[in-house]
Amino acid sequence: MRIRPITAAAGLLLALTLTACSSSEEPATDKPTASATTAAPTTTAPVDLTAATEACIEAVRQSLKTTPTGEDLERPTECEPLDDSAYLEAYMKGLQQRNQDGRDELQRQIDEAASADAATP
């Protein structure tokens, strides 16, 4: 017997919620607003995607030098003009370049150790 009052209360709550959601919308008007009629069209300078991609790759590479594990790496500002797909490609290229930097440094240290070992009698 307690189900009916609970069901009625739930139905009333749902109706109030739907009413509140629908009344929060602004009524549509047929008149254009003053800002819409006086706003000048904005033009943005075309973005050189090749230059933006190269800048993004270098920014990712430098970011990975300071955060080697890549954790908490935020999207560099140089990468903002790129969409998500292009950013992912640039990120991967920057990561590859950073990995190559690490391999080059390791090889330099190996060569240095080998030459120091060869010089020791």
C-alpha atoms as a PDB file:
ATOM      1  CA  MET A   1       0.000   0.000   0.000  1.00  0.00           C
ATOM      2  CA  ARG A   2       2.956   2.335   0.394  1.00  0.00           C
ATOM      3  CA  ILE A   3       3.944   1.945  -3.251  1.00  0.00           C
ATOM      4  CA  ARG A   4       1.205   4.241  -4.569  1.00  0.00           C
ATOM      5  CA  PRO A   5       2.292   7.298  -2.540  1.00  0.00           C
ATOM      6  CA  ILE A   6       5.930   6.689  -3.481  1.00  0.00           C
ATOM      7  CA  THR A   7       4.998   6.259  -7.147  1.00  0.00           C
ATOM      8  CA  ALA A   8       2.880   9.394  -7.036  1.00  0.00           C
ATOM      9  CA  ALA A   9       5.683  11.356  -5.381  1.00  0.00           C
ATOM     10  CA  ALA A  10       8.199  10.097  -7.948  1.00  0.00           C
ATOM     11  CA  GLY A  11       5.844  11.057 -10.791  1.00  0.00           C
ATOM     12  CA  LEU A  12       5.331  14.514  -9.316  1.00  0.00           C
ATOM     13  CA  LEU A  13       9.080  14.978  -8.882  1.00  0.00           C
ATOM     14  CA  LEU A  14       9.671  13.914 -12.475  1.00  0.00           C
ATOM     15  CA  ALA A  15       7.005  16.317 -13.732  1.00  0.00           C
ATOM     16  CA  LEU A  16       8.517  19.177 -11.740  1.00  0.00           C
ATOM     17  CA  THR A  17      11.972  18.371 -13.047  1.00  0.00           C
ATOM     18  CA  LEU A  18      10.796  18.311 -16.651  1.00  0.00           C
ATOM     19  CA  THR A  19       8.893  21.558 -16.158  1.00  0.00           C
ATOM     20  CA  ALA A  20      11.922  23.234 -14.622  1.00  0.00           C
ATOM     21  CA  CYS A  21      14.147  22.092 -17.483  1.00  0.00           C
ATOM     22  CA  SER A  22      11.742  23.230 -20.172  1.00  0.00           C
ATOM     23  CA  SER A  23      11.104  26.618 -18.580  1.00  0.00           C
ATOM     24  CA  SER A  24      14.814  27.417 -18.361  1.00  0.00           C
ATOM     25  CA  GLU A  25      15.038  27.731 -22.133  1.00  0.00           C
ATOM     26  CA  GLU A  26      14.725  31.208 -23.541  1.00  0.00           C
ATOM     27  CA  PRO A  27      11.770  31.815 -25.813  1.00  0.00           C
ATOM     28  CA  ALA A  28      12.647  32.112 -29.463  1.00  0.00           C
ATOM     29  CA  THR A  29      12.176  35.513 -31.026  1.00  0.00           C
ATOM     30  CA  ASP A  30      11.825  36.357 -34.666  1.00  0.00           C
ATOM     31  CA  LYS A  31      13.674  39.647 -34.255  1.00  0.00           C
ATOM     32  CA  PRO A  32      17.428  39.576 -34.799  1.00  0.00           C
ATOM     33  CA  THR A  33      19.380  40.967 -31.917  1.00  0.00           C
ATOM     34  CA  ALA A  34      21.227  44.235 -32.259  1.00  0.00           C
ATOM     35  CA  SER A  35      24.611  42.560 -31.874  1.00  0.00           C
ATOM     36  CA  ALA A  36      23.820  40.138 -34.683  1.00  0.00           C
ATOM     37  CA  THR A  37      22.932  42.900 -37.131  1.00  0.00           C
ATOM     38  CA  THR A  38      25.865  45.165 -36.319  1.00  0.00           C
ATOM     39  CA  ALA A  39      28.565  42.546 -35.862  1.00  0.00           C
ATOM     40  CA  ALA A  40      31.192  42.644 -38.558  1.00  0.00           C
ATOM     41  CA  PRO A  41      32.327  39.321 -39.938  1.00  0.00           C
ATOM     42  CA  THR A  42      35.584  38.279 -38.372  1.00  0.00           C
ATOM     43  CA  THR A  43      38.343  36.846 -40.455  1.00  0.00           C
ATOM     44  CA  THR A  44      41.237  34.958 -39.035  1.00  0.00           C
ATOM     45  CA  ALA A  45      44.577  34.697 -40.660  1.00  0.00           C
ATOM     46  CA  PRO A  46      45.096  31.358 -42.367  1.00  0.00           C
ATOM     47  CA  VAL A  47      47.207  29.047 -40.286  1.00  0.00           C
ATOM     48  CA  ASP A  48      50.251  27.485 -41.901  1.00  0.00           C
ATOM     49  CA  LEU A  49      49.618  23.909 -40.798  1.00  0.00           C
ATOM     50  CA  THR A  50      53.071  22.724 -41.803  1.00  0.00           C
ATOM     51  CA  ALA A  51      54.771  25.343 -39.648  1.00  0.00           C
ATOM     52  CA  ALA A  52      52.294  24.754 -36.824  1.00  0.00           C
ATOM     53  CA  THR A  53      52.950  21.004 -36.978  1.00  0.00           C
ATOM     54  CA  GLU A  54      56.717  21.481 -36.879  1.00  0.00           C
ATOM     55  CA  ALA A  55      56.407  23.897 -33.957  1.00  0.00           C
ATOM     56  CA  CYS A  56      54.151  21.414 -32.171  1.00  0.00           C
ATOM     57  CA  ILE A  57      56.603  18.540 -32.727  1.00  0.00           C
ATOM     58  CA  GLU A  58      59.453  20.580 -31.259  1.00  0.00           C
ATOM     59  CA  ALA A  59      57.306  21.739 -28.334  1.00  0.00           C
ATOM     60  CA  VAL A  60      56.333  18.131 -27.534  1.00  0.00           C
ATOM     61  CA  ARG A  61      59.977  17.087 -27.808  1.00  0.00           C
ATOM     62  CA  GLN A  62      61.050  19.803 -25.379  1.00  0.00           C
ATOM     63  CA  SER A  63      58.160  19.020 -23.028  1.00  0.00           C
ATOM     64  CA  LEU A  64      59.177  15.374 -22.920  1.00  0.00           C
ATOM     65  CA  LYS A  65      62.705  16.407 -21.936  1.00  0.00           C
ATOM     66  CA  THR A  66      61.363  18.033 -18.787  1.00  0.00           C
ATOM     67  CA  THR A  67      58.736  15.317 -18.174  1.00  0.00           C
ATOM     68  CA  PRO A  68      60.438  12.149 -19.424  1.00  0.00           C
ATOM     69  CA  THR A  69      57.650   9.750 -18.500  1.00  0.00           C
ATOM     70  CA  GLY A  70      55.037  11.829 -20.302  1.00  0.00           C
ATOM     71  CA  GLU A  71      52.769  11.908 -17.261  1.00  0.00           C
ATOM     72  CA  ASP A  72      50.801  15.101 -16.801  1.00  0.00           C
ATOM     73  CA  LEU A  73      52.012  16.359 -20.166  1.00  0.00           C
ATOM     74  CA  GLU A  74      49.683  19.148 -21.193  1.00  0.00           C
ATOM     75  CA  ARG A  75      49.034  20.080 -24.783  1.00  0.00           C
ATOM     76  CA  PRO A  76      51.611  22.762 -25.644  1.00  0.00           C
ATOM     77  CA  THR A  77      50.275  26.098 -26.833  1.00  0.00           C
ATOM     78  CA  GLU A  78      52.114  25.630 -30.135  1.00  0.00           C
ATOM     79  CA  CYS A  79      49.778  22.704 -30.824  1.00  0.00           C
ATOM     80  CA  GLU A  80      46.526  24.660 -30.407  1.00  0.00           C
ATOM     81  CA  PRO A  81      45.951  25.266 -34.163  1.00  0.00           C
ATOM     82  CA  LEU A  82      46.010  21.521 -34.818  1.00  0.00           C
ATOM     83  CA  ASP A  83      42.975  19.290 -34.584  1.00  0.00           C
ATOM     84  CA  ASP A  84      43.144  16.174 -32.409  1.00  0.00           C
ATOM     85  CA  SER A  85      44.290  13.870 -35.192  1.00  0.00           C
ATOM     86  CA  ALA A  86      47.091  16.184 -36.339  1.00  0.00           C
ATOM     87  CA  TYR A  87      48.114  16.750 -32.712  1.00  0.00           C
ATOM     88  CA  LEU A  88      48.363  13.011 -32.129  1.00  0.00           C
ATOM     89  CA  GLU A  89      50.601  12.630 -35.178  1.00  0.00           C
ATOM     90  CA  ALA A  90      52.772  15.560 -34.058  1.00  0.00           C
ATOM     91  CA  TYR A  91      52.939  14.123 -30.538  1.00  0.00           C
ATOM     92  CA  MET A  92      54.116  10.766 -31.856  1.00  0.00           C
ATOM     93  CA  LYS A  93      56.771  12.408 -34.040  1.00  0.00           C
ATOM     94  CA  GLY A  94      57.954  14.511 -31.091  1.00  0.00           C
ATOM     95  CA  LEU A  95      58.108  11.364 -28.968  1.00  0.00           C
ATOM     96  CA  GLN A  96      60.123   9.582 -31.665  1.00  0.00           C
ATOM     97  CA  GLN A  97      62.542  12.509 -31.860  1.00  0.00           C
ATOM     98  CA  ARG A  98      62.905  12.546 -28.070  1.00  0.00           C
ATOM     99  CA  ASN A  99      63.598   8.810 -28.104  1.00  0.00           C
ATOM    100  CA  GLN A 100      66.229   9.325 -30.805  1.00  0.00           C
ATOM    101  CA  ASP A 101      67.814  12.039 -28.646  1.00  0.00           C
ATOM    102  CA  GLY A 102      68.020   9.514 -25.813  1.00  0.00           C
ATOM    103  CA  ARG A 103      69.596   6.872 -28.045  1.00  0.00           C
ATOM    104  CA  ASP A 104      72.120   9.398 -29.338  1.00  0.00           C
ATOM    105  CA  GLU A 105      73.043  10.419 -25.777  1.00  0.00           C
ATOM    106  CA  LEU A 106      73.430   6.782 -24.739  1.00  0.00           C
ATOM    107  CA  GLN A 107      75.674   6.095 -27.731  1.00  0.00           C
ATOM    108  CA  ARG A 108      77.765   9.176 -26.883  1.00  0.00           C
ATOM    109  CA  GLN A 109      78.244   7.911 -23.339  1.00  0.00           C
ATOM    110  CA  ILE A 110      79.165   4.429 -24.585  1.00  0.00           C
ATOM    111  CA  ASP A 111      81.722   5.876 -27.000  1.00  0.00           C
ATOM    112  CA  GLU A 112      83.127   8.115 -24.257  1.00  0.00           C
ATOM    113  CA  ALA A 113      83.470   5.177 -21.872  1.00  0.00           C
ATOM    114  CA  ALA A 114      85.060   3.033 -24.559  1.00  0.00           C
ATOM    115  CA  SER A 115      87.621   5.693 -25.423  1.00  0.00           C
ATOM    116  CA  ALA A 116      88.414   6.267 -21.754  1.00  0.00           C
ATOM    117  CA  ASP A 117      88.788   2.488 -21.273  1.00  0.00           C
ATOM    118  CA  ALA A 118      91.084   2.237 -24.311  1.00  0.00           C
ATOM    119  CA  ALA A 119      93.256   5.092 -23.036  1.00  0.00           C
ATOM    120  CA  THR A 120      93.775   3.380 -19.659  1.00  0.00           C
ATOM    121  CA  PRO A 121      96.890   1.132 -19.758  1.00  0.00           C
END
